[in-house]
Each structure stands twice: as structure tokens, then as C-alpha cells.
Amino acid sequence: MKVCVVGAGGFGTAIAQIVSRNVDSVILIARNPSIIRSINENHENPKYHPRVKLNSNIKAKHIQKAHEVFRKSDFIFMAVPSGSLRSVVSGFANSLGDKNVISGIKGIEYPSLKTMTEVIREETGSENVFSISGPTFAVELIRNVPSGLTIGAPRNYWRELGELLESPNLFLDYSENIKGVEFCGVLKNVYAVAMGILDNYILGENDRYLFLNICFKEMSKILHHMGYEELLPKFCGFGDFILTACSSKSRNKTLGLMLGKRMILSKKSSVTIESLKSIKAVRKLVSGIKLPALELIVKVIENPNETNIYVDRFFKSLKEEEYNVEQTK
């Protein structure tokens, strides 16, 4: 079996390393000539995973050769920034239409509000488009630290995809709700930003976990509203939220910390761009629901100089607002 991973960044390279144990060959599609050369000659991706030895059956090719690689691949993993996905897949639509494509991208297109699998289906016409999501930092995943992933795919693909991602320390669970699995990846990023903002005002452990619980209840409320509540106990639900909202390694929590400190955000940062799009998209999708933590994020982004006022209002709203997920059923 031959597998291709589009995107030689942190997550794409980690997935390639895992899958390479179970298949004949893995081709990493990349743009950076120095990364391609290092992977092929030194079995290392020095930019994202320095000093990690990649398996010898992983090879890298430039994106210009993707058509040829796609034609020979049985499964194709997508691991590019969400803002680049449509342009990438549209350029290779003719080679992807009959392929099994797995998206590991956490983002949502704005203003179309389409998930990444929907973008892939729309551009390629492929019906076999699946998703993976879970509490995984790529730097730990590639080093075989015990990790969890949820596979979103029709039931008849579970065994094949499970065998593809088989690894001694990688734990898998499954759902047929492909769109829901990837939407959890969007939501956890949004609420990690909220936790980052609130972290600037936390006095102790009690209020830290109070706010964490409140953010999780809001996330649960949204998933109930969307009809995705069965995903809450999955790795893509609770596990990914806790990892992203609590860890100092989380880029989205760091973004929230910066917002809370009124720091100027880089307009060129892919994390900033994708997170702000996700926040706008989620707010639009659930515009009829009262969500104080989500509104806090939006207001802080719109007017960072008034952050103290918005946080104070959020604190006061906790006594007034009932966080009851049963109301949304």
C-alpha cells in the first residue's frame, strides 16, 4: 500500500512517521526544497522535528509532482493550513476525484462556513473524504508519546483506517460523524482562546477550573445545538479541548493570552488568521444561542482596549446565566 501526505509541517510529518510503519511507502508533498532534500538525504525534517529520525520508507517530493504521486497512492492525508486547502486541492482535482482522502486540518472556511472535508468534496467530487482529530501535539506524536485520535469515517472504513494508523502508543476511537469530528477541532481552538484571555485574570486553581468547566459547557451546548453531542466523550471532544485549553504548548491558548494582555497580533501569522476565522464562523453558526465566553472573545478582538470591562461583565454574567445543556435539546 502507498500513502501520500500533503504538507510536510509538524502534523503532516508526524502522521507520515506513524503510517510508514504500516505501509510500503509514504510520500510527503512539500514546497520547501531544503526540507525535501533533508528528508530524502538525512531522513529528518529539521524545521519541525529536528533530531527525529524518520523511517527510511518516507520520501519527499515537491508539490509540482503531486499529480504523479496522487495517481499511485491508495490514501492521501491532507495536512496543510486551512486557508490554503481550497487552492491546493483545486489545482489537483482531476487526480483526487477517485481517491480516499483524510483531512487532519483544524479550521473552517470563512465566510462559506464549510468544513475542510466539505471543501475537498466540493473541489474534487470525491465521496471518500474522512477526518481525524484528537488531543495530539505533533512534537509528541512523532516521538511515540501515548496519544489519542478520533477517526471520522463510514463504519466500513474503520478497520482499514485503523490499520493504517496502527501504533503501539496511539489510541483510536471512531465516529461516522465526519463533519462533527472536524467541527470539534474548530470549537476547541475557539475556547482555548477564551481560556487564554481569562488566564490573565485567574487568581488561583479554583477559578481556573471554574472557567475551564464553563468553557466546556459552552462547547457542549454548541455541540448539542449542532446535533454532535455524541462526540463529547471522544478524543476529538473532551480530550482535545482539555489539551488545547490547558497546555502552555497550545498556540490558540497563547493567542488568547496575547489578546488578554492587549498585545499586537501578527497579521501574517497563520495561527492568528485561522483562529480569527474560526471564531467568526462559530459565532455565525450559533448566532441564536447565548454564549458569554464566545461573546467575550469577540468583544476583546473588536476592542482590545476595553478588555478589563468585558472580562468584568463576563464574571458578572456567570451568576446570571444558566449553563444547562438540556435547554438546547
Protein backbone atom coordinates (compact mmCIF):
# COMPACT_ATOMS: atom_id res chain seq x y z
CA MET A 1 0.00 0.00 0.00
CA LYS A 2 1.19 3.51 -0.84
CA VAL A 3 0.24 6.61 1.09
CA CYS A 4 0.76 10.30 0.42
CA VAL A 5 0.74 13.13 2.98
CA VAL A 6 0.23 16.64 1.62
CA GLY A 7 2.04 19.09 3.88
CA ALA A 8 5.44 18.45 5.43
CA GLY A 9 4.76 20.56 8.52
CA GLY A 10 4.67 19.32 12.08
CA PHE A 11 1.46 17.28 11.94
CA GLY A 12 1.93 16.02 8.38
CA THR A 13 5.41 14.71 9.15
CA ALA A 14 4.19 13.04 12.37
CA ILE A 15 1.36 11.28 10.50
CA ALA A 16 3.81 10.15 7.84
CA GLN A 17 6.03 8.62 10.53
CA ILE A 18 3.11 6.69 12.09
CA VAL A 19 1.70 5.44 8.79
CA SER A 20 5.12 4.46 7.44
CA ARG A 21 5.24 1.59 9.94
CA ASN A 22 2.18 0.01 8.31
CA VAL A 23 2.62 0.55 4.56
CA ASP A 24 5.20 0.06 1.82
CA SER A 25 5.95 3.73 1.26
CA VAL A 26 4.88 7.23 2.25
CA ILE A 27 5.44 10.30 0.09
CA LEU A 28 5.47 13.69 1.81
CA ILE A 29 4.41 16.50 -0.54
CA ALA A 30 6.21 19.75 0.31
CA ARG A 31 7.11 23.15 -1.15
CA ASN A 32 10.38 23.88 0.66
CA PRO A 33 13.34 22.46 -1.34
CA SER A 34 15.62 22.32 1.72
CA ILE A 35 13.08 20.27 3.70
CA ILE A 36 12.60 17.93 0.74
CA ARG A 37 16.35 17.46 0.40
CA SER A 38 16.83 16.85 4.14
CA ILE A 39 14.05 14.25 4.30
CA ASN A 40 15.43 12.38 1.28
CA GLU A 41 19.10 12.58 2.21
CA ASN A 42 19.14 12.72 6.02
CA HIS A 43 15.72 11.26 6.95
CA GLU A 44 14.97 14.36 9.02
CA ASN A 45 12.63 17.37 8.90
CA PRO A 46 14.92 19.92 10.59
CA LYS A 47 12.38 22.76 10.65
CA TYR A 48 9.58 20.96 12.50
CA HIS A 49 11.16 17.88 14.08
CA PRO A 50 14.90 18.39 14.49
CA ARG A 51 16.89 15.32 15.59
CA VAL A 52 13.96 12.97 14.97
CA LYS A 53 14.96 10.19 12.58
CA LEU A 54 12.26 9.48 10.00
CA ASN A 55 11.70 5.97 8.75
CA SER A 56 13.56 5.16 5.54
CA ASN A 57 10.41 4.43 3.53
CA ILE A 58 9.37 8.11 3.85
CA LYS A 59 10.37 10.17 0.83
CA ALA A 60 9.58 13.78 -0.04
CA LYS A 61 8.58 15.28 -3.37
CA HIS A 62 7.83 18.80 -4.49
CA ILE A 63 4.20 19.79 -4.88
CA GLN A 64 4.74 20.19 -8.62
CA LYS A 65 4.97 16.40 -8.82
CA ALA A 66 1.81 15.81 -6.80
CA HIS A 67 -0.29 14.65 -9.79
CA GLU A 68 2.04 11.73 -10.36
CA VAL A 69 2.15 10.85 -6.65
CA PHE A 70 -1.64 11.02 -6.22
CA ARG A 71 -2.25 8.63 -9.10
CA LYS A 72 -0.11 5.97 -7.39
CA SER A 73 -1.48 6.50 -3.85
CA ASP A 74 -4.17 4.47 -2.09
CA PHE A 75 -4.76 7.01 0.69
CA ILE A 76 -3.99 10.73 0.81
CA PHE A 77 -3.72 12.69 4.07
CA MET A 78 -4.23 16.46 3.93
CA ALA A 79 -2.17 18.44 6.45
CA VAL A 80 -1.92 21.95 5.00
CA PRO A 81 -3.10 25.25 6.59
CA SER A 82 -6.87 25.59 6.32
CA GLY A 83 -6.57 28.84 4.37
CA SER A 84 -4.51 27.08 1.68
CA LEU A 85 -6.60 23.92 1.32
CA ARG A 86 -9.00 25.03 -1.42
CA SER A 87 -6.24 26.33 -3.68
CA VAL A 88 -4.21 23.16 -3.14
CA VAL A 89 -6.98 20.67 -3.89
CA SER A 90 -8.47 22.68 -6.77
CA GLY A 91 -5.14 22.52 -8.55
CA PHE A 92 -5.13 18.71 -8.34
CA ALA A 93 -8.86 17.96 -8.50
CA ASN A 94 -8.51 15.63 -11.50
CA SER A 95 -6.08 13.42 -9.59
CA LEU A 96 -8.10 13.30 -6.36
CA GLY A 97 -11.64 12.56 -7.51
CA ASP A 98 -11.43 8.78 -7.01
CA LYS A 99 -9.09 8.74 -4.02
CA ASN A 100 -9.54 8.15 -0.29
CA VAL A 101 -8.69 11.48 1.33
CA ILE A 102 -8.24 12.01 5.08
CA SER A 103 -8.22 15.57 6.46
CA GLY A 104 -6.25 16.31 9.60
CA ILE A 105 -6.79 20.06 9.21
CA LYS A 106 -8.39 22.03 12.05
CA GLY A 107 -10.19 25.01 10.65
CA ILE A 108 -13.31 26.23 8.91
CA GLU A 109 -13.58 28.27 5.74
CA TYR A 110 -14.95 31.76 6.19
CA PRO A 111 -17.35 33.18 5.09
CA SER A 112 -18.58 29.96 3.40
CA LEU A 113 -18.67 28.16 6.81
CA LYS A 114 -17.60 24.93 5.10
CA THR A 115 -15.51 22.36 6.94
CA MET A 116 -12.31 21.08 5.37
CA THR A 117 -13.88 17.81 4.20
CA GLU A 118 -16.68 19.78 2.55
CA VAL A 119 -14.10 21.91 0.72
CA ILE A 120 -12.31 18.78 -0.50
CA ARG A 121 -15.55 17.17 -1.69
CA GLU A 122 -16.64 20.36 -3.43
CA GLU A 123 -13.36 20.78 -5.31
CA THR A 124 -12.66 17.14 -6.18
CA GLY A 125 -16.05 15.46 -6.38
CA SER A 126 -14.70 12.64 -4.21
CA GLU A 127 -17.16 10.92 -1.87
CA ASN A 128 -14.44 9.17 0.14
CA VAL A 129 -13.31 12.08 2.31
CA PHE A 130 -12.72 11.42 6.01
CA SER A 131 -11.43 13.30 9.07
CA ILE A 132 -9.13 12.73 12.04
CA SER A 133 -8.87 14.87 15.16
CA GLY A 134 -7.73 14.48 18.75
CA PRO A 135 -5.51 15.67 21.62
CA THR A 136 -2.19 15.46 19.82
CA PHE A 137 0.76 17.82 19.71
CA ALA A 138 2.79 16.82 16.67
CA VAL A 139 6.10 17.12 18.53
CA GLU A 140 4.92 14.40 20.96
CA LEU A 141 3.01 12.32 18.43
CA ILE A 142 6.12 11.76 16.31
CA ARG A 143 8.09 10.71 19.41
CA ASN A 144 5.57 7.98 20.17
CA VAL A 145 4.18 9.62 23.32
CA PRO A 146 0.80 7.94 24.13
CA SER A 147 -1.84 9.91 22.21
CA GLY A 148 -5.46 9.67 21.06
CA LEU A 149 -7.21 10.29 17.73
CA THR A 150 -10.82 10.10 16.61
CA ILE A 151 -11.38 8.79 13.08
CA GLY A 152 -14.44 10.22 11.34
CA ALA A 153 -15.48 7.86 8.56
CA PRO A 154 -18.24 5.44 7.50
CA ARG A 155 -18.18 2.27 9.59
CA ASN A 156 -17.00 0.10 6.69
CA TYR A 157 -13.74 2.10 6.59
CA TRP A 158 -12.95 1.89 10.31
CA ARG A 159 -10.85 -1.28 10.15
CA GLU A 160 -8.79 -0.14 7.15
CA LEU A 161 -8.12 3.33 8.57
CA GLY A 162 -7.38 1.86 11.99
CA GLU A 163 -4.79 -0.48 10.48
CA LEU A 164 -3.28 2.45 8.57
CA LEU A 165 -2.78 4.42 11.81
CA GLU A 166 -1.87 1.43 13.97
CA SER A 167 0.82 2.31 16.51
CA PRO A 168 1.62 0.86 19.97
CA ASN A 169 1.01 4.18 21.73
CA LEU A 170 -1.72 5.65 19.53
CA PHE A 171 -5.24 5.04 20.82
CA LEU A 172 -8.14 5.36 18.38
CA ASP A 173 -11.87 5.80 18.65
CA TYR A 174 -14.35 6.18 15.81
CA SER A 175 -17.42 8.06 14.65
CA GLU A 176 -19.46 8.11 11.46
CA ASN A 177 -19.99 11.84 12.01
CA ILE A 178 -17.18 13.05 9.74
CA LYS A 179 -18.16 16.72 9.84
CA GLY A 180 -18.74 16.63 13.60
CA VAL A 181 -15.27 15.23 14.30
CA GLU A 182 -13.60 18.10 12.49
CA PHE A 183 -16.02 20.69 13.93
CA CYS A 184 -14.85 19.66 17.41
CA GLY A 185 -11.36 20.63 16.27
CA VAL A 186 -12.64 24.10 15.42
CA LEU A 187 -14.54 24.56 18.69
CA LYS A 188 -11.70 23.50 20.97
CA ASN A 189 -9.45 26.12 19.34
CA VAL A 190 -12.05 28.83 19.91
CA TYR A 191 -12.45 28.01 23.60
CA ALA A 192 -8.71 27.68 24.08
CA VAL A 193 -8.54 31.35 23.04
CA ALA A 194 -11.16 32.12 25.70
CA MET A 195 -9.09 30.33 28.35
CA GLY A 196 -6.03 32.26 27.26
CA ILE A 197 -7.85 35.59 27.72
CA LEU A 198 -9.19 34.55 31.13
CA ASP A 199 -5.80 33.24 32.24
CA ASN A 200 -4.70 36.86 32.70
CA TYR A 201 -7.36 37.29 35.40
CA ILE A 202 -7.16 33.96 37.23
CA LEU A 203 -6.36 34.18 40.95
CA GLY A 204 -5.99 30.50 41.82
CA GLU A 205 -6.79 26.94 40.88
CA ASN A 206 -10.47 27.20 41.85
CA ASP A 207 -11.35 29.87 39.33
CA ARG A 208 -9.08 28.34 36.66
CA TYR A 209 -11.16 25.17 36.66
CA LEU A 210 -14.41 27.06 37.11
CA PHE A 211 -13.71 28.89 33.83
CA LEU A 212 -12.49 25.68 32.18
CA ASN A 213 -15.74 24.00 33.14
CA ILE A 214 -17.77 26.94 31.87
CA CYS A 215 -15.97 26.90 28.52
CA PHE A 216 -16.54 23.15 28.22
CA LYS A 217 -20.25 23.60 28.98
CA GLU A 218 -20.50 26.23 26.27
CA MET A 219 -18.73 23.92 23.84
CA SER A 220 -21.16 21.15 24.87
CA LYS A 221 -24.09 23.50 24.33
CA ILE A 222 -22.94 24.20 20.78
CA LEU A 223 -22.39 20.51 20.01
CA HIS A 224 -25.90 19.73 21.26
CA HIS A 225 -27.25 22.53 19.07
CA MET A 226 -25.42 21.13 16.03
CA GLY A 227 -26.52 17.56 16.76
CA TYR A 228 -22.97 16.39 17.53
CA GLU A 229 -23.37 15.70 21.25
CA GLU A 230 -22.25 12.06 20.93
CA LEU A 231 -18.74 13.33 20.21
CA LEU A 232 -18.23 14.96 23.63
CA PRO A 233 -16.57 11.91 25.26
CA LYS A 234 -14.49 11.11 22.15
CA PHE A 235 -10.83 12.05 21.82
CA CYS A 236 -11.85 14.83 19.40
CA GLY A 237 -14.19 16.26 22.06
CA PHE A 238 -13.21 16.37 25.73
CA GLY A 239 -9.59 15.27 25.26
CA ASP A 240 -8.71 17.78 22.56
CA PHE A 241 -10.45 20.61 24.41
CA ILE A 242 -8.53 19.94 27.64
CA LEU A 243 -5.19 19.68 25.84
CA THR A 244 -5.66 22.88 23.85
CA ALA A 245 -7.23 24.94 26.63
CA CYS A 246 -4.75 23.99 29.37
CA SER A 247 -1.34 23.41 27.84
CA SER A 248 1.31 26.10 27.56
CA LYS A 249 2.24 24.49 24.21
CA SER A 250 -1.16 25.43 22.77
CA ARG A 251 -0.89 28.09 20.10
CA ASN A 252 -4.54 29.09 20.46
CA LYS A 253 -4.28 29.49 24.23
CA THR A 254 -1.16 31.61 23.64
CA LEU A 255 -3.16 33.72 21.18
CA GLY A 256 -5.76 34.27 23.92
CA LEU A 257 -3.06 35.24 26.41
CA MET A 258 -1.77 37.82 23.94
CA LEU A 259 -5.28 39.21 23.39
CA GLY A 260 -5.82 39.45 27.15
CA LYS A 261 -2.58 41.40 27.52
CA ARG A 262 -3.57 43.72 24.63
CA MET A 263 -0.52 42.68 22.64
CA ILE A 264 -0.43 43.45 18.93
CA LEU A 265 -1.04 40.30 16.89
CA SER A 266 0.88 39.48 13.75
CA LYS A 267 -1.42 39.78 10.74
CA LYS A 268 0.82 37.33 8.86
CA SER A 269 0.59 34.53 11.44
CA SER A 270 -1.36 31.52 10.12
CA VAL A 271 -2.47 30.74 13.69
CA THR A 272 -3.91 34.23 14.13
CA ILE A 273 -5.63 34.22 10.74
CA GLU A 274 -7.14 30.74 11.12
CA SER A 275 -8.23 31.30 14.72
CA LEU A 276 -9.98 34.59 13.96
CA LYS A 277 -11.79 32.96 11.02
CA SER A 278 -12.89 30.08 13.24
CA ILE A 279 -14.22 32.46 15.89
CA LYS A 280 -16.21 34.41 13.29
CA ALA A 281 -17.52 31.21 11.74
CA VAL A 282 -18.66 29.67 15.03
CA ARG A 283 -20.36 32.89 16.09
CA LYS A 284 -22.27 32.99 12.81
CA LEU A 285 -23.27 29.31 13.03
CA VAL A 286 -24.69 29.68 16.56
CA SER A 287 -25.91 33.28 16.44
CA GLY A 288 -29.18 32.42 18.19
CA ILE A 289 -27.60 30.94 21.33
CA LYS A 290 -26.46 32.85 24.41
CA LEU A 291 -22.76 32.11 24.84
CA PRO A 292 -20.98 34.55 27.19
CA ALA A 293 -17.46 33.12 26.75
CA LEU A 294 -17.73 33.26 22.97
CA GLU A 295 -19.03 36.83 23.16
CA LEU A 296 -16.12 37.73 25.43
CA ILE A 297 -13.66 36.61 22.75
CA VAL A 298 -15.46 38.54 20.01
CA LYS A 299 -15.61 41.76 22.06
CA VAL A 300 -11.95 41.56 23.08
CA ILE A 301 -10.92 41.10 19.44
CA GLU A 302 -13.10 44.01 18.32
CA ASN A 303 -11.92 46.40 21.04
CA PRO A 304 -8.88 45.11 22.97
CA ASN A 305 -8.53 48.36 24.95
CA GLU A 306 -11.76 47.53 26.79
CA THR A 307 -10.69 44.01 27.77
CA ASN A 308 -10.95 44.69 31.53
CA ILE A 309 -14.53 45.88 31.14
CA TYR A 310 -15.54 42.85 29.04
CA VAL A 311 -13.95 40.40 31.45
CA ASP A 312 -15.70 42.09 34.39
CA ARG A 313 -19.04 41.78 32.58
CA PHE A 314 -18.29 38.13 31.85
CA PHE A 315 -17.63 37.49 35.56
CA LYS A 316 -20.95 39.10 36.48
CA SER A 317 -22.79 37.09 33.83
CA LEU A 318 -21.72 33.83 35.49
CA LYS A 319 -24.20 34.45 38.30
CA GLU A 320 -26.97 35.33 35.88
CA GLU A 321 -26.50 32.76 33.12
CA GLU A 322 -27.69 29.17 33.48
CA TYR A 323 -25.32 26.77 31.72
CA ASN A 324 -27.79 23.96 31.14
CA VAL A 325 -27.13 21.89 28.01
CA GLU A 326 -30.55 20.27 28.41
CA GLN A 327 -32.14 23.53 27.26
CA THR A 328 -30.75 23.09 23.76
CA LYS A 329 -32.00 19.55 23.18
